[in-house]
Amino acid sequence: NVDYILWPDLDPRLGPAPEQGVISQTKLRDGRTY
């Protein structure tokens, strides 16, 4: 029953989040997606 995924974009094991289904993103001051 998973409707949402929270993805840590800066985790080197996972890399950037998939492009599909993006609802919201938080960013660091330098503009990188957190």
PDB file of all heavy atoms in Angstrom:
ATOM      1  N   ASN A   1       0.816  -1.205   0.000  1.00  0.00           N
ATOM      2  CA  ASN A   1       0.000   0.000   0.000  1.00  0.00           C
ATOM      3  C   ASN A   1       0.859   1.268   0.000  1.00  0.00           C
ATOM      4  O   ASN A   1       0.541   2.268   0.627  1.00  0.00           O
ATOM      5  CB  ASN A   1      -0.930  -0.033   1.230  1.00  0.00           C
ATOM      6  CG  ASN A   1      -1.860   1.147   1.339  1.00  0.00           C
ATOM      7  OD1 ASN A   1      -2.063   1.661   2.436  1.00  0.00           O
ATOM      8  ND2 ASN A   1      -2.433   1.593   0.247  1.00  0.00           N
ATOM      9  N   VAL A   2       2.000   1.210  -0.722  1.00  0.00           N
ATOM     10  CA  VAL A   2       2.902   2.356  -0.796  1.00  0.00           C
ATOM     11  C   VAL A   2       2.410   3.315  -1.885  1.00  0.00           C
ATOM     12  O   VAL A   2       2.363   2.953  -3.068  1.00  0.00           O
ATOM     13  CB  VAL A   2       4.351   1.912  -1.089  1.00  0.00           C
ATOM     14  CG1 VAL A   2       5.239   3.115  -1.375  1.00  0.00           C
ATOM     15  CG2 VAL A   2       4.894   1.109   0.089  1.00  0.00           C
ATOM     16  N   ASP A   3       2.026   4.513  -1.487  1.00  0.00           N
ATOM     17  CA  ASP A   3       1.585   5.548  -2.425  1.00  0.00           C
ATOM     18  C   ASP A   3       2.634   6.629  -2.631  1.00  0.00           C
ATOM     19  O   ASP A   3       2.511   7.429  -3.566  1.00  0.00           O
ATOM     20  CB  ASP A   3       0.294   6.204  -1.939  1.00  0.00           C
ATOM     21  CG  ASP A   3      -0.911   5.292  -2.111  1.00  0.00           C
ATOM     22  OD1 ASP A   3      -0.776   4.239  -2.753  1.00  0.00           O
ATOM     23  OD2 ASP A   3      -2.003   5.632  -1.597  1.00  0.00           O
ATOM     24  N   TYR A   4       3.649   6.651  -1.735  1.00  0.00           N
ATOM     25  CA  TYR A   4       4.664   7.701  -1.836  1.00  0.00           C
ATOM     26  C   TYR A   4       6.036   7.141  -1.472  1.00  0.00           C
ATOM     27  O   TYR A   4       6.151   6.213  -0.653  1.00  0.00           O
ATOM     28  CB  TYR A   4       4.343   8.876  -0.893  1.00  0.00           C
ATOM     29  CG  TYR A   4       3.014   9.531  -1.187  1.00  0.00           C
ATOM     30  CD1 TYR A   4       1.872   9.167  -0.485  1.00  0.00           C
ATOM     31  CD2 TYR A   4       2.902  10.500  -2.191  1.00  0.00           C
ATOM     32  CE1 TYR A   4       0.649   9.749  -0.756  1.00  0.00           C
ATOM     33  CE2 TYR A   4       1.677  11.092  -2.463  1.00  0.00           C
ATOM     34  CZ  TYR A   4       0.565  10.714  -1.754  1.00  0.00           C
ATOM     35  OH  TYR A   4      -0.641  11.293  -2.047  1.00  0.00           O
ATOM     36  N   ILE A   5       7.060   7.730  -2.091  1.00  0.00           N
ATOM     37  CA  ILE A   5       8.448   7.359  -1.818  1.00  0.00           C
ATOM     38  C   ILE A   5       9.227   8.637  -1.525  1.00  0.00           C
ATOM     39  O   ILE A   5       9.102   9.621  -2.262  1.00  0.00           O
ATOM     40  CB  ILE A   5       9.087   6.624  -3.010  1.00  0.00           C
ATOM     41  CG1 ILE A   5       8.348   5.314  -3.278  1.00  0.00           C
ATOM     42  CG2 ILE A   5      10.563   6.359  -2.757  1.00  0.00           C
ATOM     43  CD1 ILE A   5       8.811   4.599  -4.547  1.00  0.00           C
ATOM     44  N   LEU A   6      10.010   8.623  -0.447  1.00  0.00           N
ATOM     45  CA  LEU A   6      10.904   9.739  -0.133  1.00  0.00           C
ATOM     46  C   LEU A   6      12.317   9.304  -0.477  1.00  0.00           C
ATOM     47  O   LEU A   6      12.843   8.346   0.095  1.00  0.00           O
ATOM     48  CB  LEU A   6      10.798  10.122   1.346  1.00  0.00           C
ATOM     49  CG  LEU A   6      11.504  11.418   1.760  1.00  0.00           C
ATOM     50  CD1 LEU A   6      10.941  12.611   1.002  1.00  0.00           C
ATOM     51  CD2 LEU A   6      11.382  11.631   3.262  1.00  0.00           C
ATOM     52  N   TRP A   7      12.927  10.016  -1.431  1.00  0.00           N
ATOM     53  CA  TRP A   7      14.196   9.581  -2.017  1.00  0.00           C
ATOM     54  C   TRP A   7      15.324  10.534  -1.619  1.00  0.00           C
ATOM     55  O   TRP A   7      15.237  11.735  -1.873  1.00  0.00           O
ATOM     56  CB  TRP A   7      14.071   9.544  -3.533  1.00  0.00           C
ATOM     57  CG  TRP A   7      15.202   8.882  -4.243  1.00  0.00           C
ATOM     58  CD1 TRP A   7      16.398   9.435  -4.564  1.00  0.00           C
ATOM     59  CD2 TRP A   7      15.234   7.536  -4.724  1.00  0.00           C
ATOM     60  NE1 TRP A   7      17.191   8.524  -5.207  1.00  0.00           N
ATOM     61  CE2 TRP A   7      16.498   7.345  -5.328  1.00  0.00           C
ATOM     62  CE3 TRP A   7      14.320   6.484  -4.712  1.00  0.00           C
ATOM     63  CZ2 TRP A   7      16.859   6.131  -5.903  1.00  0.00           C
ATOM     64  CZ3 TRP A   7      14.686   5.284  -5.279  1.00  0.00           C
ATOM     65  CH2 TRP A   7      15.936   5.114  -5.874  1.00  0.00           C
ATOM     66  N   PRO A   8      16.413  10.022  -1.000  1.00  0.00           N
ATOM     67  CA  PRO A   8      17.561  10.876  -0.649  1.00  0.00           C
ATOM     68  C   PRO A   8      18.503  11.032  -1.841  1.00  0.00           C
ATOM     69  O   PRO A   8      19.350  10.169  -2.104  1.00  0.00           O
ATOM     70  CB  PRO A   8      18.217  10.108   0.502  1.00  0.00           C
ATOM     71  CG  PRO A   8      17.893   8.676   0.218  1.00  0.00           C
ATOM     72  CD  PRO A   8      16.570   8.645  -0.496  1.00  0.00           C
ATOM     73  N   ASP A   9      18.393  12.115  -2.564  1.00  0.00           N
ATOM     74  CA  ASP A   9      19.130  12.276  -3.831  1.00  0.00           C
ATOM     75  C   ASP A   9      20.639  12.298  -3.646  1.00  0.00           C
ATOM     76  O   ASP A   9      21.383  11.966  -4.568  1.00  0.00           O
ATOM     77  CB  ASP A   9      18.695  13.573  -4.511  1.00  0.00           C
ATOM     78  CG  ASP A   9      17.251  13.505  -4.976  1.00  0.00           C
ATOM     79  OD1 ASP A   9      16.341  13.545  -4.120  1.00  0.00           O
ATOM     80  OD2 ASP A   9      17.021  13.389  -6.185  1.00  0.00           O
ATOM     81  N   LEU A  10      21.110  12.700  -2.459  1.00  0.00           N
ATOM     82  CA  LEU A  10      22.553  12.834  -2.250  1.00  0.00           C
ATOM     83  C   LEU A  10      23.191  11.559  -1.709  1.00  0.00           C
ATOM     84  O   LEU A  10      24.395  11.526  -1.459  1.00  0.00           O
ATOM     85  CB  LEU A  10      22.844  14.003  -1.312  1.00  0.00           C
ATOM     86  CG  LEU A  10      22.398  15.382  -1.812  1.00  0.00           C
ATOM     87  CD1 LEU A  10      22.792  16.463  -0.822  1.00  0.00           C
ATOM     88  CD2 LEU A  10      23.014  15.681  -3.176  1.00  0.00           C
ATOM     89  N   ASP A  11      22.389  10.506  -1.521  1.00  0.00           N
ATOM     90  CA  ASP A  11      22.943   9.239  -1.057  1.00  0.00           C
ATOM     91  C   ASP A  11      23.694   8.593  -2.230  1.00  0.00           C
ATOM     92  O   ASP A  11      23.082   8.258  -3.255  1.00  0.00           O
ATOM     93  CB  ASP A  11      21.821   8.310  -0.586  1.00  0.00           C
ATOM     94  CG  ASP A  11      22.353   7.062   0.116  1.00  0.00           C
ATOM     95  OD1 ASP A  11      23.450   6.588  -0.260  1.00  0.00           O
ATOM     96  OD2 ASP A  11      21.677   6.563   1.037  1.00  0.00           O
ATOM     97  N   PRO A  12      25.014   8.409  -2.127  1.00  0.00           N
ATOM     98  CA  PRO A  12      25.782   7.887  -3.265  1.00  0.00           C
ATOM     99  C   PRO A  12      25.377   6.476  -3.668  1.00  0.00           C
ATOM    100  O   PRO A  12      25.609   6.064  -4.809  1.00  0.00           O
ATOM    101  CB  PRO A  12      27.232   7.926  -2.765  1.00  0.00           C
ATOM    102  CG  PRO A  12      27.135   7.929  -1.271  1.00  0.00           C
ATOM    103  CD  PRO A  12      25.867   8.671  -0.949  1.00  0.00           C
ATOM    104  N   ARG A  13      24.746   5.730  -2.768  1.00  0.00           N
ATOM    105  CA  ARG A  13      24.321   4.378  -3.109  1.00  0.00           C
ATOM    106  C   ARG A  13      23.090   4.379  -4.012  1.00  0.00           C
ATOM    107  O   ARG A  13      22.847   3.410  -4.724  1.00  0.00           O
ATOM    108  CB  ARG A  13      24.015   3.583  -1.835  1.00  0.00           C
ATOM    109  CG  ARG A  13      25.205   3.349  -0.930  1.00  0.00           C
ATOM    110  CD  ARG A  13      24.778   2.806   0.410  1.00  0.00           C
ATOM    111  NE  ARG A  13      23.946   3.772   1.115  1.00  0.00           N
ATOM    112  CZ  ARG A  13      23.361   3.546   2.285  1.00  0.00           C
ATOM    113  NH1 ARG A  13      23.527   2.368   2.860  1.00  0.00           N
ATOM    114  NH2 ARG A  13      22.633   4.476   2.868  1.00  0.00           N
ATOM    115  N   LEU A  14      22.302   5.455  -3.962  1.00  0.00           N
ATOM    116  CA  LEU A  14      21.053   5.509  -4.711  1.00  0.00           C
ATOM    117  C   LEU A  14      21.106   6.453  -5.901  1.00  0.00           C
ATOM    118  O   LEU A  14      20.480   6.199  -6.928  1.00  0.00           O
ATOM    119  CB  LEU A  14      19.905   5.933  -3.783  1.00  0.00           C
ATOM    120  CG  LEU A  14      19.651   5.038  -2.559  1.00  0.00           C
ATOM    121  CD1 LEU A  14      18.492   5.572  -1.759  1.00  0.00           C
ATOM    122  CD2 LEU A  14      19.391   3.609  -2.992  1.00  0.00           C
ATOM    123  N   GLY A  15      21.841   7.548  -5.763  1.00  0.00           N
ATOM    124  CA  GLY A  15      21.900   8.519  -6.848  1.00  0.00           C
ATOM    125  C   GLY A  15      20.643   9.365  -6.913  1.00  0.00           C
ATOM    126  O   GLY A  15      19.790   9.318  -6.010  1.00  0.00           O
ATOM    127  N   PRO A  16      20.477  10.163  -7.966  1.00  0.00           N
ATOM    128  CA  PRO A  16      19.303  11.036  -8.101  1.00  0.00           C
ATOM    129  C   PRO A  16      18.009  10.232  -8.175  1.00  0.00           C
ATOM    130  O   PRO A  16      17.988   9.080  -8.591  1.00  0.00           O
ATOM    131  CB  PRO A  16      19.570  11.797  -9.405  1.00  0.00           C
ATOM    132  CG  PRO A  16      21.027  11.650  -9.654  1.00  0.00           C
ATOM    133  CD  PRO A  16      21.424  10.337  -9.077  1.00  0.00           C
ATOM    134  N   ALA A  17      16.909  10.876  -7.784  1.00  0.00           N
ATOM    135  CA  ALA A  17      15.605  10.218  -7.791  1.00  0.00           C
ATOM    136  C   ALA A  17      15.126   9.981  -9.210  1.00  0.00           C
ATOM    137  O   ALA A  17      15.526  10.685 -10.147  1.00  0.00           O
ATOM    138  CB  ALA A  17      14.597  11.086  -7.044  1.00  0.00           C
ATOM    139  N   PRO A  18      14.257   8.977  -9.397  1.00  0.00           N
ATOM    140  CA  PRO A  18      13.652   8.792 -10.722  1.00  0.00           C
ATOM    141  C   PRO A  18      12.892  10.043 -11.151  1.00  0.00           C
ATOM    142  O   PRO A  18      12.423  10.816 -10.316  1.00  0.00           O
ATOM    143  CB  PRO A  18      12.699   7.605 -10.498  1.00  0.00           C
ATOM    144  CG  PRO A  18      13.234   6.901  -9.285  1.00  0.00           C
ATOM    145  CD  PRO A  18      13.837   7.950  -8.432  1.00  0.00           C
ATOM    146  N   GLU A  19      12.756  10.235 -12.442  1.00  0.00           N
ATOM    147  CA  GLU A  19      12.098  11.434 -12.950  1.00  0.00           C
ATOM    148  C   GLU A  19      10.578  11.310 -12.939  1.00  0.00           C
ATOM    149  O   GLU A  19       9.874  12.315 -12.966  1.00  0.00           O
ATOM    150  CB  GLU A  19      12.578  11.724 -14.379  1.00  0.00           C
ATOM    151  CG  GLU A  19      14.080  12.022 -14.463  1.00  0.00           C
ATOM    152  CD  GLU A  19      14.517  12.288 -15.889  1.00  0.00           C
ATOM    153  OE1 GLU A  19      13.658  12.200 -16.806  1.00  0.00           O
ATOM    154  OE2 GLU A  19      15.724  12.570 -16.098  1.00  0.00           O
ATOM    155  N   GLN A  20      10.050  10.090 -12.894  1.00  0.00           N
ATOM    156  CA  GLN A  20       8.612   9.907 -12.936  1.00  0.00           C
ATOM    157  C   GLN A  20       7.999  10.121 -11.556  1.00  0.00           C
ATOM    158  O   GLN A  20       8.542   9.662 -10.547  1.00  0.00           O
ATOM    159  CB  GLN A  20       8.254   8.495 -13.432  1.00  0.00           C
ATOM    160  CG  GLN A  20       8.716   8.186 -14.844  1.00  0.00           C
ATOM    161  CD  GLN A  20      10.185   7.811 -14.905  1.00  0.00           C
ATOM    162  OE1 GLN A  20      10.768   7.458 -13.883  1.00  0.00           O
ATOM    163  NE2 GLN A  20      10.767   7.879 -16.095  1.00  0.00           N
ATOM    164  N   GLY A  21       6.849  10.766 -11.536  1.00  0.00           N
ATOM    165  CA  GLY A  21       6.065  10.883 -10.310  1.00  0.00           C
ATOM    166  C   GLY A  21       6.572  11.884  -9.300  1.00  0.00           C
ATOM    167  O   GLY A  21       6.196  11.814  -8.133  1.00  0.00           O
ATOM    168  N   VAL A  22       7.401  12.841  -9.701  1.00  0.00           N
ATOM    169  CA  VAL A  22       7.929  13.820  -8.754  1.00  0.00           C
ATOM    170  C   VAL A  22       6.803  14.750  -8.291  1.00  0.00           C
ATOM    171  O   VAL A  22       6.101  15.352  -9.110  1.00  0.00           O
ATOM    172  CB  VAL A  22       9.068  14.636  -9.387  1.00  0.00           C
ATOM    173  CG1 VAL A  22       9.518  15.739  -8.428  1.00  0.00           C
ATOM    174  CG2 VAL A  22      10.238  13.727  -9.732  1.00  0.00           C
ATOM    175  N   ILE A  23       6.643  14.858  -6.970  1.00  0.00           N
ATOM    176  CA  ILE A  23       5.637  15.739  -6.383  1.00  0.00           C
ATOM    177  C   ILE A  23       6.281  16.993  -5.815  1.00  0.00           C
ATOM    178  O   ILE A  23       5.821  18.120  -6.017  1.00  0.00           O
ATOM    179  CB  ILE A  23       4.856  15.013  -5.268  1.00  0.00           C
ATOM    180  CG1 ILE A  23       4.105  13.826  -5.842  1.00  0.00           C
ATOM    181  CG2 ILE A  23       3.902  15.959  -4.559  1.00  0.00           C
ATOM    182  CD1 ILE A  23       3.467  12.954  -4.787  1.00  0.00           C
ATOM    183  N   SER A  24       7.377  16.790  -5.093  1.00  0.00           N
ATOM    184  CA  SER A  24       8.023  17.904  -4.409  1.00  0.00           C
ATOM    185  C   SER A  24       9.484  17.575  -4.194  1.00  0.00           C
ATOM    186  O   SER A  24       9.863  16.389  -4.155  1.00  0.00           O
ATOM    187  CB  SER A  24       7.328  18.157  -3.059  1.00  0.00           C
ATOM    188  OG  SER A  24       8.017  19.118  -2.297  1.00  0.00           O
ATOM    189  N   GLN A  25      10.314  18.616  -4.068  1.00  0.00           N
ATOM    190  CA  GLN A  25      11.738  18.426  -3.800  1.00  0.00           C
ATOM    191  C   GLN A  25      12.217  19.473  -2.806  1.00  0.00           C
ATOM    192  O   GLN A  25      11.726  20.612  -2.796  1.00  0.00           O
ATOM    193  CB  GLN A  25      12.562  18.534  -5.089  1.00  0.00           C
ATOM    194  CG  GLN A  25      12.326  17.398  -6.069  1.00  0.00           C
ATOM    195  CD  GLN A  25      13.187  17.516  -7.313  1.00  0.00           C
ATOM    196  OE1 GLN A  25      13.390  18.610  -7.825  1.00  0.00           O
ATOM    197  NE2 GLN A  25      13.704  16.384  -7.801  1.00  0.00           N
ATOM    198  N   THR A  26      13.159  19.075  -1.963  1.00  0.00           N
ATOM    199  CA  THR A  26      13.836  20.034  -1.088  1.00  0.00           C
ATOM    200  C   THR A  26      15.259  20.189  -1.593  1.00  0.00           C
ATOM    201  O   THR A  26      15.879  19.220  -2.039  1.00  0.00           O
ATOM    202  CB  THR A  26      13.846  19.554   0.372  1.00  0.00           C
ATOM    203  OG1 THR A  26      14.433  18.241   0.435  1.00  0.00           O
ATOM    204  CG2 THR A  26      12.446  19.486   0.935  1.00  0.00           C
ATOM    205  N   LYS A  27      15.756  21.410  -1.527  1.00  0.00           N
ATOM    206  CA  LYS A  27      17.081  21.710  -2.079  1.00  0.00           C
ATOM    207  C   LYS A  27      17.970  22.357  -1.029  1.00  0.00           C
ATOM    208  O   LYS A  27      17.487  23.007  -0.098  1.00  0.00           O
ATOM    209  CB  LYS A  27      16.954  22.632  -3.297  1.00  0.00           C
ATOM    210  CG  LYS A  27      16.194  22.008  -4.470  1.00  0.00           C
ATOM    211  CD  LYS A  27      16.125  22.950  -5.650  1.00  0.00           C
ATOM    212  CE  LYS A  27      15.367  22.325  -6.818  1.00  0.00           C
ATOM    213  NZ  LYS A  27      16.088  21.155  -7.379  1.00  0.00           N
ATOM    214  N   LEU A  28      19.271  22.166  -1.196  1.00  0.00           N
ATOM    215  CA  LEU A  28      20.255  22.830  -0.361  1.00  0.00           C
ATOM    216  C   LEU A  28      20.467  24.270  -0.860  1.00  0.00           C
ATOM    217  O   LEU A  28      19.991  24.655  -1.930  1.00  0.00           O
ATOM    218  CB  LEU A  28      21.574  22.055  -0.387  1.00  0.00           C
ATOM    219  CG  LEU A  28      21.519  20.605   0.113  1.00  0.00           C
ATOM    220  CD1 LEU A  28      22.880  19.953  -0.053  1.00  0.00           C
ATOM    221  CD2 LEU A  28      21.070  20.538   1.558  1.00  0.00           C
ATOM    222  N   ARG A  29      21.202  25.038  -0.090  1.00  0.00           N
ATOM    223  CA  ARG A  29      21.439  26.434  -0.469  1.00  0.00           C
ATOM    224  C   ARG A  29      22.213  26.545  -1.772  1.00  0.00           C
ATOM    225  O   ARG A  29      22.088  27.539  -2.491  1.00  0.00           O
ATOM    226  CB  ARG A  29      22.197  27.152   0.652  1.00  0.00           C
ATOM    227  CG  ARG A  29      21.355  27.351   1.911  1.00  0.00           C
ATOM    228  CD  ARG A  29      22.142  28.091   2.975  1.00  0.00           C
ATOM    229  NE  ARG A  29      21.332  28.296   4.179  1.00  0.00           N
ATOM    230  CZ  ARG A  29      21.788  28.900   5.278  1.00  0.00           C
ATOM    231  NH1 ARG A  29      23.050  29.332   5.327  1.00  0.00           N
ATOM    232  NH2 ARG A  29      20.997  29.056   6.315  1.00  0.00           N
ATOM    233  N   ASP A  30      23.014  25.525  -2.082  1.00  0.00           N
ATOM    234  CA  ASP A  30      23.778  25.586  -3.328  1.00  0.00           C
ATOM    235  C   ASP A  30      22.974  25.099  -4.536  1.00  0.00           C
ATOM    236  O   ASP A  30      23.496  24.990  -5.645  1.00  0.00           O
ATOM    237  CB  ASP A  30      25.075  24.776  -3.201  1.00  0.00           C
ATOM    238  CG  ASP A  30      24.811  23.299  -2.894  1.00  0.00           C
ATOM    239  OD1 ASP A  30      23.638  22.877  -2.933  1.00  0.00           O
ATOM    240  OD2 ASP A  30      25.783  22.567  -2.613  1.00  0.00           O
ATOM    241  N   GLY A  31      21.693  24.814  -4.331  1.00  0.00           N
ATOM    242  CA  GLY A  31      20.818  24.426  -5.429  1.00  0.00           C
ATOM    243  C   GLY A  31      20.709  22.938  -5.668  1.00  0.00           C
ATOM    244  O   GLY A  31      19.863  22.494  -6.460  1.00  0.00           O
ATOM    245  N   ARG A  32      21.508  22.125  -4.995  1.00  0.00           N
ATOM    246  CA  ARG A  32      21.428  20.684  -5.194  1.00  0.00           C
ATOM    247  C   ARG A  32      20.165  20.128  -4.531  1.00  0.00           C
ATOM    248  O   ARG A  32      19.768  20.554  -3.452  1.00  0.00           O
ATOM    249  CB  ARG A  32      22.651  19.989  -4.601  1.00  0.00           C
ATOM    250  CG  ARG A  32      23.943  20.214  -5.372  1.00  0.00           C
ATOM    251  CD  ARG A  32      25.091  19.455  -4.709  1.00  0.00           C
ATOM    252  NE  ARG A  32      25.333  19.927  -3.346  1.00  0.00           N
ATOM    253  CZ  ARG A  32      26.049  19.253  -2.453  1.00  0.00           C
ATOM    254  NH1 ARG A  32      26.570  18.078  -2.767  1.00  0.00           N
ATOM    255  NH2 ARG A  32      26.231  19.752  -1.247  1.00  0.00           N
ATOM    256  N   THR A  33      19.541  19.153  -5.215  1.00  0.00           N
ATOM    257  CA  THR A  33      18.345  18.516  -4.659  1.00  0.00           C
ATOM    258  C   THR A  33      18.746  17.619  -3.494  1.00  0.00           C
ATOM    259  O   THR A  33      19.629  16.764  -3.622  1.00  0.00           O
ATOM    260  CB  THR A  33      17.616  17.693  -5.725  1.00  0.00           C
ATOM    261  OG1 THR A  33      17.241  18.560  -6.806  1.00  0.00           O
ATOM    262  CG2 THR A  33      16.375  17.039  -5.149  1.00  0.00           C
ATOM    263  N   TYR A  34      18.082  17.809  -2.370  1.00  0.00           N
ATOM    264  CA  TYR A  34      18.405  17.075  -1.151  1.00  0.00           C
ATOM    265  C   TYR A  34      17.538  15.821  -1.025  1.00  0.00           C
ATOM    266  O   TYR A  34      18.041  14.719  -0.855  1.00  0.00           O
ATOM    267  CB  TYR A  34      18.212  17.999   0.048  1.00  0.00           C
ATOM    268  CG  TYR A  34      18.439  17.363   1.387  1.00  0.00           C
ATOM    269  CD1 TYR A  34      19.670  16.785   1.701  1.00  0.00           C
ATOM    270  CD2 TYR A  34      17.432  17.337   2.357  1.00  0.00           C
ATOM    271  CE1 TYR A  34      19.893  16.204   2.934  1.00  0.00           C
ATOM    272  CE2 TYR A  34      17.649  16.762   3.596  1.00  0.00           C
ATOM    273  CZ  TYR A  34      18.876  16.194   3.872  1.00  0.00           C
ATOM    274  OH  TYR A  34      19.091  15.613   5.101  1.00  0.00           O
TER     275      TYR A  34
END
